[in-house]
Amino acid sequence: VQLQASGGGLVQAGGSLGLSCVASGLSFSMYSVGWFRQAPGKEREFVAAISVRTSTYYAESAKGRFTISRDNAKDTVYLQMNVLKPEDTAVYLCAAGLTYNVYGVPAKYDSWGQGTLVTVSS
């Protein structure tokens, strides 16, 4: 199983970035997919998740600014991030798991990508 996250970069506060997570080696449509982030010296933090039925879940910090979506035909999950803030700076990781009722807990995900760095300047 491989998850490849991409799309990170440097953006000014108030800007937007779109992240992608491409999966291989699994029956993608059967998996829930989550985005987490980890800033230096901080714990891994839930950002957003999408279920196999395309229900979406967001951390309070992401609501209204981030949108998660999936395209099963492309084995890809997207995270559109708008109105970015300096506190959104982190490595963003995608994860896949056979979880159907708990989405915000890292331990519920079996496979993780390597992460992509998002830096928001003030």
C-alpha atoms as a PDB file:
ATOM      1  CA  VAL A   1       0.000   0.000   0.000  1.00  0.00           C
ATOM      2  CA  GLN A   2       1.302   3.427  -0.920  1.00  0.00           C
ATOM      3  CA  LEU A   3      -0.100   6.865  -0.368  1.00  0.00           C
ATOM      4  CA  GLN A   4       1.552   9.761  -2.132  1.00  0.00           C
ATOM      5  CA  ALA A   5       0.697  13.245  -0.914  1.00  0.00           C
ATOM      6  CA  SER A   6       1.549  16.298  -2.974  1.00  0.00           C
ATOM      7  CA  GLY A   7       0.633  19.917  -3.490  1.00  0.00           C
ATOM      8  CA  GLY A   8       2.283  21.576  -0.533  1.00  0.00           C
ATOM      9  CA  GLY A   9       4.288  24.744  -0.811  1.00  0.00           C
ATOM     10  CA  LEU A  10       4.765  28.276   0.396  1.00  0.00           C
ATOM     11  CA  VAL A  11       1.783  30.597   0.361  1.00  0.00           C
ATOM     12  CA  GLN A  12       0.938  33.928   1.928  1.00  0.00           C
ATOM     13  CA  ALA A  13      -1.699  34.200   4.602  1.00  0.00           C
ATOM     14  CA  GLY A  14      -5.142  34.363   3.028  1.00  0.00           C
ATOM     15  CA  GLY A  15      -4.048  32.283   0.066  1.00  0.00           C
ATOM     16  CA  SER A  16      -5.064  28.822  -1.074  1.00  0.00           C
ATOM     17  CA  LEU A  17      -3.449  25.472  -1.734  1.00  0.00           C
ATOM     18  CA  GLY A  18      -4.802  22.190  -3.016  1.00  0.00           C
ATOM     19  CA  LEU A  19      -3.349  18.927  -1.764  1.00  0.00           C
ATOM     20  CA  SER A  20      -3.701  15.534  -3.418  1.00  0.00           C
ATOM     21  CA  CYS A  21      -3.263  12.043  -2.045  1.00  0.00           C
ATOM     22  CA  VAL A  22      -2.938   9.238  -4.578  1.00  0.00           C
ATOM     23  CA  ALA A  23      -3.302   5.676  -3.335  1.00  0.00           C
ATOM     24  CA  SER A  24      -2.075   2.421  -4.795  1.00  0.00           C
ATOM     25  CA  GLY A  25      -2.101  -1.176  -3.686  1.00  0.00           C
ATOM     26  CA  LEU A  26      -5.509  -1.143  -2.052  1.00  0.00           C
ATOM     27  CA  SER A  27      -9.176  -1.220  -2.929  1.00  0.00           C
ATOM     28  CA  PHE A  28      -9.411   2.509  -2.536  1.00  0.00           C
ATOM     29  CA  SER A  29     -13.185   2.820  -2.585  1.00  0.00           C
ATOM     30  CA  MET A  30     -13.396   0.636   0.542  1.00  0.00           C
ATOM     31  CA  TYR A  31     -11.208   2.939   2.612  1.00  0.00           C
ATOM     32  CA  SER A  32     -11.893   6.060   4.562  1.00  0.00           C
ATOM     33  CA  VAL A  33      -9.193   8.658   4.047  1.00  0.00           C
ATOM     34  CA  GLY A  34      -8.043  11.298   6.455  1.00  0.00           C
ATOM     35  CA  TRP A  35      -5.749  14.282   6.369  1.00  0.00           C
ATOM     36  CA  PHE A  36      -3.683  15.016   9.432  1.00  0.00           C
ATOM     37  CA  ARG A  37      -0.994  17.585  10.048  1.00  0.00           C
ATOM     38  CA  GLN A  38       2.002  17.855  12.281  1.00  0.00           C
ATOM     39  CA  ALA A  39       3.864  21.022  13.103  1.00  0.00           C
ATOM     40  CA  PRO A  40       7.373  20.977  14.613  1.00  0.00           C
ATOM     41  CA  GLY A  41       7.222  20.072  18.270  1.00  0.00           C
ATOM     42  CA  LYS A  42       3.501  19.367  18.178  1.00  0.00           C
ATOM     43  CA  GLU A  43       1.398  16.238  18.108  1.00  0.00           C
ATOM     44  CA  ARG A  44      -0.244  14.946  14.975  1.00  0.00           C
ATOM     45  CA  GLU A  45      -3.570  16.702  14.527  1.00  0.00           C
ATOM     46  CA  PHE A  46      -6.693  15.690  12.677  1.00  0.00           C
ATOM     47  CA  VAL A  47      -7.691  18.002   9.832  1.00  0.00           C
ATOM     48  CA  ALA A  48     -10.378  16.318   7.726  1.00  0.00           C
ATOM     49  CA  ALA A  49     -11.658  12.936   6.635  1.00  0.00           C
ATOM     50  CA  ILE A  50     -13.944  11.457   4.045  1.00  0.00           C
ATOM     51  CA  SER A  51     -15.794   8.187   4.443  1.00  0.00           C
ATOM     52  CA  VAL A  52     -16.474   5.502   1.851  1.00  0.00           C
ATOM     53  CA  ARG A  53     -19.921   7.040   1.444  1.00  0.00           C
ATOM     54  CA  THR A  54     -18.305  10.477   0.944  1.00  0.00           C
ATOM     55  CA  SER A  55     -19.478  11.848   4.271  1.00  0.00           C
ATOM     56  CA  THR A  56     -17.005  14.503   5.354  1.00  0.00           C
ATOM     57  CA  TYR A  57     -15.629  15.415   8.752  1.00  0.00           C
ATOM     58  CA  TYR A  58     -13.543  18.418   9.750  1.00  0.00           C
ATOM     59  CA  ALA A  59     -11.600  19.688  12.682  1.00  0.00           C
ATOM     60  CA  GLU A  60     -12.984  22.930  14.059  1.00  0.00           C
ATOM     61  CA  SER A  61      -9.917  24.733  12.754  1.00  0.00           C
ATOM     62  CA  ALA A  62     -10.681  23.538   9.219  1.00  0.00           C
ATOM     63  CA  LYS A  63     -14.420  24.077   9.043  1.00  0.00           C
ATOM     64  CA  GLY A  64     -15.463  26.666   6.517  1.00  0.00           C
ATOM     65  CA  ARG A  65     -11.970  26.937   5.027  1.00  0.00           C
ATOM     66  CA  PHE A  66     -10.976  23.413   3.947  1.00  0.00           C
ATOM     67  CA  THR A  67     -12.835  20.993   1.688  1.00  0.00           C
ATOM     68  CA  ILE A  68     -12.068  17.310   1.358  1.00  0.00           C
ATOM     69  CA  SER A  69     -13.227  15.264  -1.612  1.00  0.00           C
ATOM     70  CA  ARG A  70     -12.426  11.990  -3.305  1.00  0.00           C
ATOM     71  CA  ASP A  71     -12.347  10.561  -6.791  1.00  0.00           C
ATOM     72  CA  ASN A  72     -12.429   6.780  -6.573  1.00  0.00           C
ATOM     73  CA  ALA A  73     -11.834   6.431 -10.311  1.00  0.00           C
ATOM     74  CA  LYS A  74      -8.458   8.091  -9.763  1.00  0.00           C
ATOM     75  CA  ASP A  75      -7.756   6.581  -6.332  1.00  0.00           C
ATOM     76  CA  THR A  76      -7.268  10.138  -5.122  1.00  0.00           C
ATOM     77  CA  VAL A  77      -8.397  12.292  -2.240  1.00  0.00           C
ATOM     78  CA  TYR A  78      -8.103  16.058  -2.356  1.00  0.00           C
ATOM     79  CA  LEU A  79      -7.872  18.726   0.301  1.00  0.00           C
ATOM     80  CA  GLN A  80      -8.636  22.240  -0.865  1.00  0.00           C
ATOM     81  CA  MET A  81      -7.406  24.764   1.661  1.00  0.00           C
ATOM     82  CA  ASN A  82      -8.562  28.364   1.490  1.00  0.00           C
ATOM     83  CA  VAL A  83      -7.970  31.427   3.651  1.00  0.00           C
ATOM     84  CA  LEU A  84      -4.780  29.885   4.957  1.00  0.00           C
ATOM     85  CA  LYS A  85      -3.307  31.141   8.209  1.00  0.00           C
ATOM     86  CA  PRO A  86       0.242  30.976   9.567  1.00  0.00           C
ATOM     87  CA  GLU A  87      -0.970  28.469  12.155  1.00  0.00           C
ATOM     88  CA  ASP A  88      -1.834  26.084   9.308  1.00  0.00           C
ATOM     89  CA  THR A  89       1.887  25.627   8.703  1.00  0.00           C
ATOM     90  CA  ALA A  90       2.708  21.939   9.078  1.00  0.00           C
ATOM     91  CA  VAL A  91       3.502  18.724   7.274  1.00  0.00           C
ATOM     92  CA  TYR A  92       0.215  17.395   5.948  1.00  0.00           C
ATOM     93  CA  LEU A  93      -0.180  13.638   5.820  1.00  0.00           C
ATOM     94  CA  CYS A  94      -2.886  11.527   4.275  1.00  0.00           C
ATOM     95  CA  ALA A  95      -3.921   8.198   5.693  1.00  0.00           C
ATOM     96  CA  ALA A  96      -6.246   5.388   4.703  1.00  0.00           C
ATOM     97  CA  GLY A  97      -8.104   3.063   6.996  1.00  0.00           C
ATOM     98  CA  LEU A  98     -10.996   0.642   7.256  1.00  0.00           C
ATOM     99  CA  THR A  99     -12.770   2.837   9.746  1.00  0.00           C
ATOM    100  CA  TYR A 100     -16.458   3.533   9.415  1.00  0.00           C
ATOM    101  CA  ASN A 101     -17.348   5.487  12.508  1.00  0.00           C
ATOM    102  CA  VAL A 102     -14.246   7.105  13.982  1.00  0.00           C
ATOM    103  CA  TYR A 103     -12.309   9.431  11.736  1.00  0.00           C
ATOM    104  CA  GLY A 104     -10.261  11.764  13.880  1.00  0.00           C
ATOM    105  CA  VAL A 105      -7.988   9.247  15.570  1.00  0.00           C
ATOM    106  CA  PRO A 106      -4.647   8.430  13.874  1.00  0.00           C
ATOM    107  CA  ALA A 107      -4.676   4.863  15.219  1.00  0.00           C
ATOM    108  CA  LYS A 108      -7.756   4.094  13.119  1.00  0.00           C
ATOM    109  CA  TYR A 109      -5.702   4.450   9.946  1.00  0.00           C
ATOM    110  CA  ASP A 110      -3.487   1.646   8.705  1.00  0.00           C
ATOM    111  CA  SER A 111      -1.553   3.273   5.899  1.00  0.00           C
ATOM    112  CA  TRP A 112       0.155   6.648   5.809  1.00  0.00           C
ATOM    113  CA  GLY A 113       1.765   8.760   3.132  1.00  0.00           C
ATOM    114  CA  GLN A 114       5.035  10.597   3.584  1.00  0.00           C
ATOM    115  CA  GLY A 115       3.496  14.037   3.927  1.00  0.00           C
ATOM    116  CA  THR A 116       3.768  17.319   2.100  1.00  0.00           C
ATOM    117  CA  LEU A 117       4.939  20.567   3.696  1.00  0.00           C
ATOM    118  CA  VAL A 118       2.640  23.564   3.807  1.00  0.00           C
ATOM    119  CA  THR A 119       4.157  26.862   4.880  1.00  0.00           C
ATOM    120  CA  VAL A 120       1.966  29.918   5.344  1.00  0.00           C
ATOM    121  CA  SER A 121       3.765  33.206   5.712  1.00  0.00           C
ATOM    122  CA  SER A 122       2.284  36.172   7.528  1.00  0.00           C
END
